[in-house]
Amino acid sequence: MLLIPRTGGRLSAVATLLCALVSLPGCTTPEPGASQNITARVTRGLVPGEVTEIARGLAMPWGLAFLPDGSALVSERSSARILHIRQGRNPAPIGTVPGVEVSAEGGLLGLAASPSFDRDRTVYAYVSASPTNRVVALRLAPDLRSLRQDRVVLEGIETADRHHGGRLRFGPDGNLWIGTGDAFSPENAADDESLNGKILRIRPDGSVPPDNPSGTAVYSSGHRNVQGIAFGPDGTAYASELGHRTWDELNVLRPGRDYGWPESEGQKGSHGERPLFTVHPDDASPSGIAIAGGAVWMGALGGQRLWRLPVNGPRADGDPVAYFIQRYGRIRTVEPAPDGSLWITTSNTDGATWGGTAARPGDDRILRVDLVRPAS
């Protein structure tokens, strides 16, 4: 079951486009110039096409980051290795990130390549560690055959066995955005002194941007366990969040806002910002998200599927549709590739009991998903 904001009485984009092309009873002719906007909306409404295997035999892949040449890096949660991924070649180990402590959900998590990677060879990684989780900057060798930890960019994120968050994403503002979990202590999400259960936003050097609403690294609060962050073409920031037992969420991020946890979950409760979409955990348990083809694409762990959540800036723009239900197992990460496709990682070797599935031949894998116009 899904709860979605709706606009009553509005024609669908396809129906409105037909009205613009032919005279049908009940149709309203669009204003001059409107048909171009409608056509753009239909064009960007892409759906999954052909699926190609990029890599296989990975151990708990978690983070995925593209490099300027179109190749990618992937982190393995349990081994703490970073691998170099190129189509048509076997994954090539670059090195092991030091100080990683593996737990039920912890280890080497999210990756984000520096916007200036060609010059600084720097990749950022989210590490579950002791005494606290941290974000580190790694320097990769020019030949991508070794790495070293350059510096700790941010620390002080409480660690636990579960609910680490871990997603990293550079925003269009040039800042590094970080999703954290509540460390399985719900009160952390509402605690202004805690970095847990938050969206954090820092500069690449670890300093706090002057326009952060709190004067600290905290951008928003009241989150349970954020594992996906993405930005739309208009700059709208989205985050996926694992709920407790009732509702998982896709939220639009706004500075200084409280998203309700632990007092509210999904649409239930009177405290905090309302989510853009809610999905039951049996159908979701969301992780990574990406923006492409007029939608937020959300990987589902327990739900073992890929969700298409249509958006128009900060608004929902239609009904969600699920793809690949139980075909590939648990989907951890979704990333937009430079060629317009999506790359997704499976997460079937992590031993999960919630929505878990036995590893299949080739697991875990990276898959490339073409995005195509729907058949007419």
Protein backbone atom coordinates (compact mmCIF):
# COMPACT_ATOMS: atom_id res chain seq x y z
CA MET A 1 0.00 0.00 0.00
CA LEU A 2 1.25 3.48 -0.89
CA LEU A 3 0.29 6.91 0.36
CA ILE A 4 0.91 9.59 -2.25
CA PRO A 5 0.01 13.28 -2.44
CA ARG A 6 -2.38 13.80 -5.33
CA THR A 7 -3.77 16.71 -7.33
CA GLY A 8 -7.43 16.17 -8.05
CA GLY A 9 -9.00 16.67 -11.45
CA ARG A 10 -5.77 17.05 -13.44
CA LEU A 11 -5.30 15.26 -16.73
CA SER A 12 -2.29 13.02 -17.06
CA ALA A 13 0.62 14.26 -19.15
CA VAL A 14 -0.14 11.72 -21.88
CA ALA A 15 -3.85 12.65 -22.02
CA THR A 16 -3.05 16.33 -22.13
CA LEU A 17 -0.57 15.76 -24.94
CA LEU A 18 -3.25 13.92 -26.95
CA CYS A 19 -5.60 16.84 -26.40
CA ALA A 20 -2.98 19.15 -27.81
CA LEU A 21 -2.66 17.04 -30.97
CA VAL A 22 -6.28 16.15 -31.80
CA SER A 23 -9.72 17.57 -31.03
CA LEU A 24 -11.42 15.32 -28.52
CA PRO A 25 -14.60 16.01 -26.52
CA GLY A 26 -13.79 17.36 -23.09
CA CYS A 27 -10.27 18.40 -24.00
CA THR A 28 -8.93 21.78 -23.11
CA THR A 29 -6.43 23.28 -25.53
CA PRO A 30 -3.15 24.09 -23.76
CA GLU A 31 -1.91 27.64 -23.63
CA PRO A 32 0.72 28.62 -26.21
CA GLY A 33 4.02 26.94 -25.40
CA ALA A 34 2.46 24.40 -23.04
CA SER A 35 2.72 21.51 -25.51
CA GLN A 36 6.51 21.77 -25.45
CA ASN A 37 6.51 21.40 -21.66
CA ILE A 38 4.12 18.47 -21.85
CA THR A 39 6.30 16.77 -24.45
CA ALA A 40 9.32 17.22 -22.18
CA ARG A 41 7.45 15.57 -19.33
CA VAL A 42 6.48 12.58 -21.46
CA THR A 43 10.01 12.27 -22.84
CA ARG A 44 11.57 12.18 -19.42
CA GLY A 45 9.16 9.49 -18.23
CA LEU A 46 11.61 6.67 -18.90
CA VAL A 47 11.30 3.04 -17.80
CA PRO A 48 13.79 0.17 -17.44
CA GLY A 49 14.93 -1.58 -20.58
CA GLU A 50 17.74 -4.07 -21.15
CA VAL A 51 19.77 -5.23 -18.13
CA THR A 52 23.46 -6.08 -18.53
CA GLU A 53 25.79 -7.58 -15.93
CA ILE A 54 28.83 -5.36 -15.32
CA ALA A 55 30.53 -7.27 -12.50
CA ARG A 56 29.94 -10.35 -10.35
CA GLY A 57 31.37 -12.20 -7.37
CA LEU A 58 31.52 -9.13 -5.12
CA ALA A 59 31.43 -9.31 -1.30
CA MET A 60 28.70 -7.08 0.12
CA PRO A 61 29.04 -4.12 -2.28
CA TRP A 62 27.72 -0.91 -0.73
CA GLY A 63 28.98 2.39 -2.15
CA LEU A 64 29.37 3.16 -5.87
CA ALA A 65 30.94 6.28 -7.35
CA PHE A 66 31.64 7.14 -10.98
CA LEU A 67 34.93 8.65 -12.09
CA PRO A 68 35.36 11.24 -14.86
CA ASP A 69 36.36 8.58 -17.42
CA GLY A 70 33.07 6.68 -16.93
CA SER A 71 34.54 3.85 -14.89
CA ALA A 72 33.45 3.40 -11.29
CA LEU A 73 34.59 2.58 -7.78
CA VAL A 74 32.72 0.21 -5.50
CA SER A 75 33.19 -0.40 -1.77
CA GLU A 76 32.85 -3.85 -0.19
CA ARG A 77 31.32 -3.51 3.26
CA SER A 78 32.89 -6.54 4.91
CA SER A 79 36.34 -6.62 3.26
CA ALA A 80 36.85 -2.80 3.43
CA ARG A 81 38.22 -2.98 -0.12
CA ILE A 82 37.63 -0.48 -2.89
CA LEU A 83 37.48 -1.98 -6.39
CA HIS A 84 37.83 -0.34 -9.79
CA ILE A 85 34.98 -1.32 -12.13
CA ARG A 86 35.18 -1.09 -15.92
CA GLN A 87 32.79 -2.64 -18.40
CA GLY A 88 34.21 -5.75 -20.00
CA ARG A 89 36.95 -6.23 -17.40
CA ASN A 90 37.19 -8.01 -14.07
CA PRO A 91 36.96 -5.82 -10.94
CA ALA A 92 40.43 -4.63 -9.97
CA PRO A 93 41.26 -4.11 -6.27
CA ILE A 94 42.71 -0.67 -5.49
CA GLY A 95 43.30 -1.05 -1.77
CA THR A 96 41.84 -1.57 1.70
CA VAL A 97 40.56 1.31 3.81
CA PRO A 98 42.13 1.23 7.29
CA GLY A 99 40.27 1.22 10.60
CA VAL A 100 36.99 -0.27 9.38
CA GLU A 101 34.97 -2.21 11.98
CA VAL A 102 32.37 -4.59 10.60
CA SER A 103 29.08 -5.12 12.44
CA ALA A 104 25.60 -6.33 11.50
CA GLU A 105 25.15 -3.29 9.22
CA GLY A 106 28.50 -1.55 9.55
CA GLY A 107 31.76 -1.63 7.64
CA LEU A 108 32.96 0.33 4.63
CA LEU A 109 29.82 2.08 3.39
CA GLY A 110 29.26 5.05 1.07
CA LEU A 111 31.67 6.52 -1.49
CA ALA A 112 31.77 9.89 -3.24
CA ALA A 113 34.40 10.98 -5.75
CA SER A 114 35.69 14.53 -5.39
CA PRO A 115 34.23 16.94 -7.97
CA SER A 116 37.90 17.73 -8.72
CA PHE A 117 39.00 14.09 -8.92
CA ASP A 118 41.09 14.65 -12.07
CA ARG A 119 43.27 17.04 -10.08
CA ASP A 120 43.19 15.80 -6.48
CA ARG A 121 42.61 12.01 -6.94
CA THR A 122 40.44 12.12 -3.80
CA VAL A 123 37.53 9.86 -2.87
CA TYR A 124 35.47 10.22 0.32
CA ALA A 125 34.32 7.16 2.27
CA TYR A 126 31.93 6.59 5.17
CA VAL A 127 33.55 4.23 7.69
CA SER A 128 31.95 2.54 10.68
CA ALA A 129 34.70 2.50 13.27
CA SER A 130 35.62 2.99 16.92
CA PRO A 131 35.16 5.09 18.97
CA THR A 132 32.88 6.80 16.41
CA ASN A 133 31.93 6.47 12.78
CA ARG A 134 33.73 8.87 10.47
CA VAL A 135 34.08 10.22 6.96
CA VAL A 136 37.58 10.02 5.53
CA ALA A 137 39.32 11.39 2.46
CA LEU A 138 41.34 8.83 0.50
CA ARG A 139 44.04 9.63 -2.05
CA LEU A 140 44.16 7.19 -4.99
CA ALA A 141 47.31 6.57 -6.99
CA PRO A 142 47.29 7.82 -10.60
CA ASP A 143 47.22 4.21 -11.86
CA LEU A 144 44.36 3.32 -9.45
CA ARG A 145 46.37 0.47 -7.97
CA SER A 146 46.77 1.77 -4.43
CA LEU A 147 45.24 4.19 -1.95
CA ARG A 148 46.09 5.89 1.32
CA GLN A 149 43.99 7.70 3.89
CA ASP A 150 44.72 11.39 3.53
CA ARG A 151 42.69 12.76 6.45
CA VAL A 152 39.62 12.37 8.63
CA VAL A 153 37.04 14.85 7.36
CA LEU A 154 34.34 14.32 10.00
CA GLU A 155 34.06 12.17 13.13
CA GLY A 156 31.81 11.98 16.18
CA ILE A 157 28.96 10.02 14.55
CA GLU A 158 27.88 7.54 17.22
CA THR A 159 28.47 3.92 16.23
CA ALA A 160 26.37 0.84 16.97
CA ASP A 161 25.63 -2.60 15.59
CA ARG A 162 22.94 -1.18 13.29
CA HIS A 163 21.55 2.05 11.80
CA HIS A 164 24.76 3.62 10.54
CA GLY A 165 23.23 5.46 7.59
CA GLY A 166 26.31 5.82 5.41
CA ARG A 167 25.36 7.44 2.11
CA LEU A 168 27.59 10.20 0.73
CA ARG A 169 26.74 12.56 -2.13
CA PHE A 170 28.24 15.76 -3.46
CA GLY A 171 25.50 18.29 -4.06
CA PRO A 172 25.25 20.90 -6.81
CA ASP A 173 26.44 23.38 -4.17
CA GLY A 174 29.83 21.62 -4.05
CA ASN A 175 29.27 20.44 -0.48
CA LEU A 176 29.41 16.86 0.78
CA TRP A 177 26.03 15.60 2.06
CA ILE A 178 26.02 12.70 4.54
CA GLY A 179 23.14 10.51 5.67
CA THR A 180 23.41 9.09 9.18
CA GLY A 181 21.33 6.65 11.23
CA ASP A 182 20.13 6.95 14.81
CA ALA A 183 22.59 4.23 15.97
CA PHE A 184 19.54 2.24 17.11
CA SER A 185 18.84 4.91 19.75
CA PRO A 186 15.77 6.82 18.50
CA GLU A 187 16.36 9.74 20.86
CA ASN A 188 19.50 10.63 18.90
CA ALA A 189 17.44 11.77 15.92
CA ALA A 190 15.80 14.55 17.96
CA ASP A 191 18.94 15.51 19.91
CA ASP A 192 20.44 18.74 18.57
CA GLU A 193 23.82 17.78 20.04
CA SER A 194 23.99 14.46 18.18
CA LEU A 195 25.15 13.90 14.59
CA ASN A 196 23.00 10.76 14.40
CA GLY A 197 19.62 10.54 12.71
CA LYS A 198 20.56 13.53 10.60
CA ILE A 199 21.46 14.82 7.18
CA LEU A 200 24.88 16.43 7.51
CA ARG A 201 26.37 18.95 5.07
CA ILE A 202 30.03 19.93 5.09
CA ARG A 203 32.63 21.39 2.78
CA PRO A 204 35.15 18.99 1.22
CA ASP A 205 37.73 20.07 3.82
CA GLY A 206 35.33 19.21 6.66
CA SER A 207 34.42 22.78 7.61
CA VAL A 208 30.81 23.90 8.06
CA PRO A 209 29.22 25.88 5.21
CA PRO A 210 28.23 29.35 6.46
CA ASP A 211 24.62 28.89 5.33
CA ASN A 212 24.01 25.68 7.29
CA PRO A 213 20.88 26.41 9.36
CA SER A 214 22.30 25.21 12.68
CA GLY A 215 25.80 26.66 12.49
CA THR A 216 27.00 23.04 12.74
CA ALA A 217 27.30 20.17 10.26
CA VAL A 218 23.58 19.35 10.79
CA TYR A 219 21.32 20.24 7.85
CA SER A 220 18.14 18.42 8.95
CA SER A 221 17.12 16.16 11.83
CA GLY A 222 14.49 13.63 12.92
CA HIS A 223 15.63 10.86 10.55
CA ARG A 224 15.69 7.18 11.52
CA ASN A 225 18.21 5.68 9.09
CA VAL A 226 19.07 7.56 5.89
CA GLN A 227 20.66 5.41 3.18
CA GLY A 228 19.94 7.37 0.01
CA ILE A 229 20.57 10.98 -1.09
CA ALA A 230 20.09 12.44 -4.57
CA PHE A 231 19.59 15.81 -6.26
CA GLY A 232 17.16 16.67 -9.04
CA PRO A 233 18.06 18.83 -12.04
CA ASP A 234 16.46 21.82 -10.31
CA GLY A 235 18.55 21.24 -7.16
CA THR A 236 15.79 19.59 -5.12
CA ALA A 237 17.38 17.31 -2.51
CA TYR A 238 15.78 13.94 -1.76
CA ALA A 239 16.55 11.30 0.88
CA SER A 240 15.31 7.74 1.42
CA GLU A 241 14.76 6.62 4.98
CA LEU A 242 14.05 3.28 6.61
CA GLY A 243 11.02 3.36 8.85
CA HIS A 244 10.33 1.11 11.81
CA ARG A 245 7.43 -1.28 11.18
CA THR A 246 4.90 0.79 9.28
CA TRP A 247 6.27 3.25 6.72
CA ASP A 248 9.49 3.84 4.83
CA GLU A 249 9.90 7.33 3.42
CA LEU A 250 11.17 9.42 0.54
CA ASN A 251 11.63 12.98 1.78
CA VAL A 252 12.39 16.33 0.21
CA LEU A 253 15.18 17.87 2.29
CA ARG A 254 14.79 21.43 3.51
CA PRO A 255 17.29 23.29 5.70
CA GLY A 256 16.71 23.15 9.43
CA ARG A 257 13.59 20.99 9.22
CA ASP A 258 12.72 18.15 11.59
CA TYR A 259 11.40 15.01 9.89
CA GLY A 260 9.64 13.65 12.93
CA TRP A 261 11.43 10.52 14.13
CA PRO A 262 10.89 9.10 16.73
CA GLU A 263 7.53 10.82 17.33
CA SER A 264 6.27 10.31 13.77
CA GLU A 265 6.68 7.66 11.10
CA GLY A 266 5.48 8.22 7.56
CA GLN A 267 2.14 10.04 7.62
CA LYS A 268 1.47 8.74 11.14
CA GLY A 269 1.97 11.33 13.86
CA SER A 270 1.62 15.10 14.02
CA HIS A 271 5.29 16.03 14.39
CA GLY A 272 7.76 16.89 11.65
CA GLU A 273 7.78 17.28 7.86
CA ARG A 274 5.52 15.04 5.82
CA PRO A 275 7.22 12.61 3.40
CA LEU A 276 6.79 12.88 -0.36
CA PHE A 277 6.15 9.13 -0.70
CA THR A 278 5.62 6.37 1.83
CA VAL A 279 5.99 2.65 1.19
CA HIS A 280 5.45 -0.28 3.55
CA PRO A 281 8.72 -1.91 4.68
CA ASP A 282 7.65 -5.28 3.24
CA ASP A 283 7.76 -3.64 -0.19
CA ALA A 284 10.79 -1.44 0.36
CA SER A 285 13.32 -1.14 3.19
CA PRO A 286 14.95 1.47 0.96
CA SER A 287 18.61 2.09 0.38
CA GLY A 288 20.24 4.05 -2.46
CA ILE A 289 18.39 6.46 -4.74
CA ALA A 290 19.16 8.15 -8.06
CA ILE A 291 17.44 10.76 -10.25
CA ALA A 292 16.91 9.91 -13.91
CA GLY A 293 14.14 9.90 -16.50
CA GLY A 294 11.75 12.11 -14.51
CA ALA A 295 11.80 9.99 -11.38
CA VAL A 296 13.57 9.01 -8.21
CA TRP A 297 14.75 5.41 -8.56
CA MET A 298 14.90 3.74 -5.15
CA GLY A 299 16.53 0.41 -4.39
CA ALA A 300 14.63 -1.87 -2.02
CA LEU A 301 16.34 -4.36 0.27
CA GLY A 302 13.52 -6.22 2.00
CA GLY A 303 11.20 -5.51 -0.93
CA GLN A 304 13.75 -6.86 -3.43
CA ARG A 305 12.76 -4.48 -6.21
CA LEU A 306 13.53 -1.17 -7.89
CA TRP A 307 10.97 1.57 -7.34
CA ARG A 308 10.23 4.34 -9.83
CA LEU A 309 8.84 7.34 -7.92
CA PRO A 310 7.83 10.08 -10.39
CA VAL A 311 8.65 13.60 -9.24
CA ASN A 312 8.47 17.14 -10.53
CA GLY A 313 10.82 19.12 -8.31
CA PRO A 314 9.56 18.93 -4.71
CA ARG A 315 6.22 17.39 -5.74
CA ALA A 316 5.03 13.89 -6.49
CA ASP A 317 4.10 13.56 -10.17
CA GLY A 318 2.27 10.25 -10.43
CA ASP A 319 2.02 6.78 -8.99
CA PRO A 320 5.03 4.64 -7.99
CA VAL A 321 5.80 1.56 -10.06
CA ALA A 322 7.98 -1.38 -8.98
CA TYR A 323 10.33 -3.28 -11.30
CA PHE A 324 12.44 -6.45 -11.03
CA ILE A 325 10.40 -7.78 -8.09
CA GLN A 326 12.51 -10.58 -6.51
CA ARG A 327 14.40 -10.99 -9.80
CA TYR A 328 17.80 -9.90 -8.50
CA GLY A 329 17.22 -10.03 -4.74
CA ARG A 330 18.06 -7.15 -2.42
CA ILE A 331 19.02 -3.92 -4.19
CA ARG A 332 21.43 -1.76 -2.21
CA THR A 333 22.73 1.05 -4.40
CA VAL A 334 21.37 2.90 -7.43
CA GLU A 335 23.57 5.34 -9.35
CA PRO A 336 23.03 7.33 -12.57
CA ALA A 337 25.78 6.48 -15.07
CA PRO A 338 27.34 9.05 -17.41
CA ASP A 339 25.72 7.32 -20.42
CA GLY A 340 22.19 7.83 -19.02
CA SER A 341 21.71 4.31 -17.70
CA LEU A 342 21.42 3.21 -14.08
CA TRP A 343 23.92 0.99 -12.30
CA ILE A 344 22.53 -1.02 -9.39
CA THR A 345 24.23 -3.28 -6.87
CA THR A 346 22.70 -6.34 -5.25
CA SER A 347 23.14 -7.12 -1.55
CA ASN A 348 22.50 -10.85 -1.22
CA THR A 349 25.76 -11.88 0.47
CA ASP A 350 25.30 -9.75 3.59
CA GLY A 351 23.48 -12.42 5.62
CA ALA A 352 20.47 -10.19 6.25
CA THR A 353 17.54 -11.84 7.99
CA TRP A 354 15.04 -9.02 7.26
CA GLY A 355 14.04 -9.40 3.63
CA GLY A 356 17.06 -11.62 3.12
CA THR A 357 17.55 -13.98 0.24
CA ALA A 358 20.08 -16.72 -0.39
CA ALA A 359 23.01 -15.67 -2.51
CA ARG A 360 22.59 -16.72 -6.12
CA PRO A 361 25.26 -17.75 -8.61
CA GLY A 362 27.29 -14.65 -9.40
CA ASP A 363 26.19 -12.67 -6.33
CA ASP A 364 26.79 -10.03 -5.49
CA ARG A 365 26.59 -8.18 -8.79
CA ILE A 366 26.60 -4.78 -10.44
CA LEU A 367 23.94 -4.47 -13.14
CA ARG A 368 23.50 -1.83 -15.82
CA VAL A 369 19.88 -0.89 -16.55
CA ASP A 370 19.03 0.94 -19.79
CA LEU A 371 16.33 3.59 -19.46
CA VAL A 372 14.01 3.75 -22.45
CA ARG A 373 10.76 5.36 -23.50
CA PRO A 374 7.74 3.21 -22.67
CA ALA A 375 6.26 1.26 -25.55
CA SER A 376 3.34 3.06 -27.14
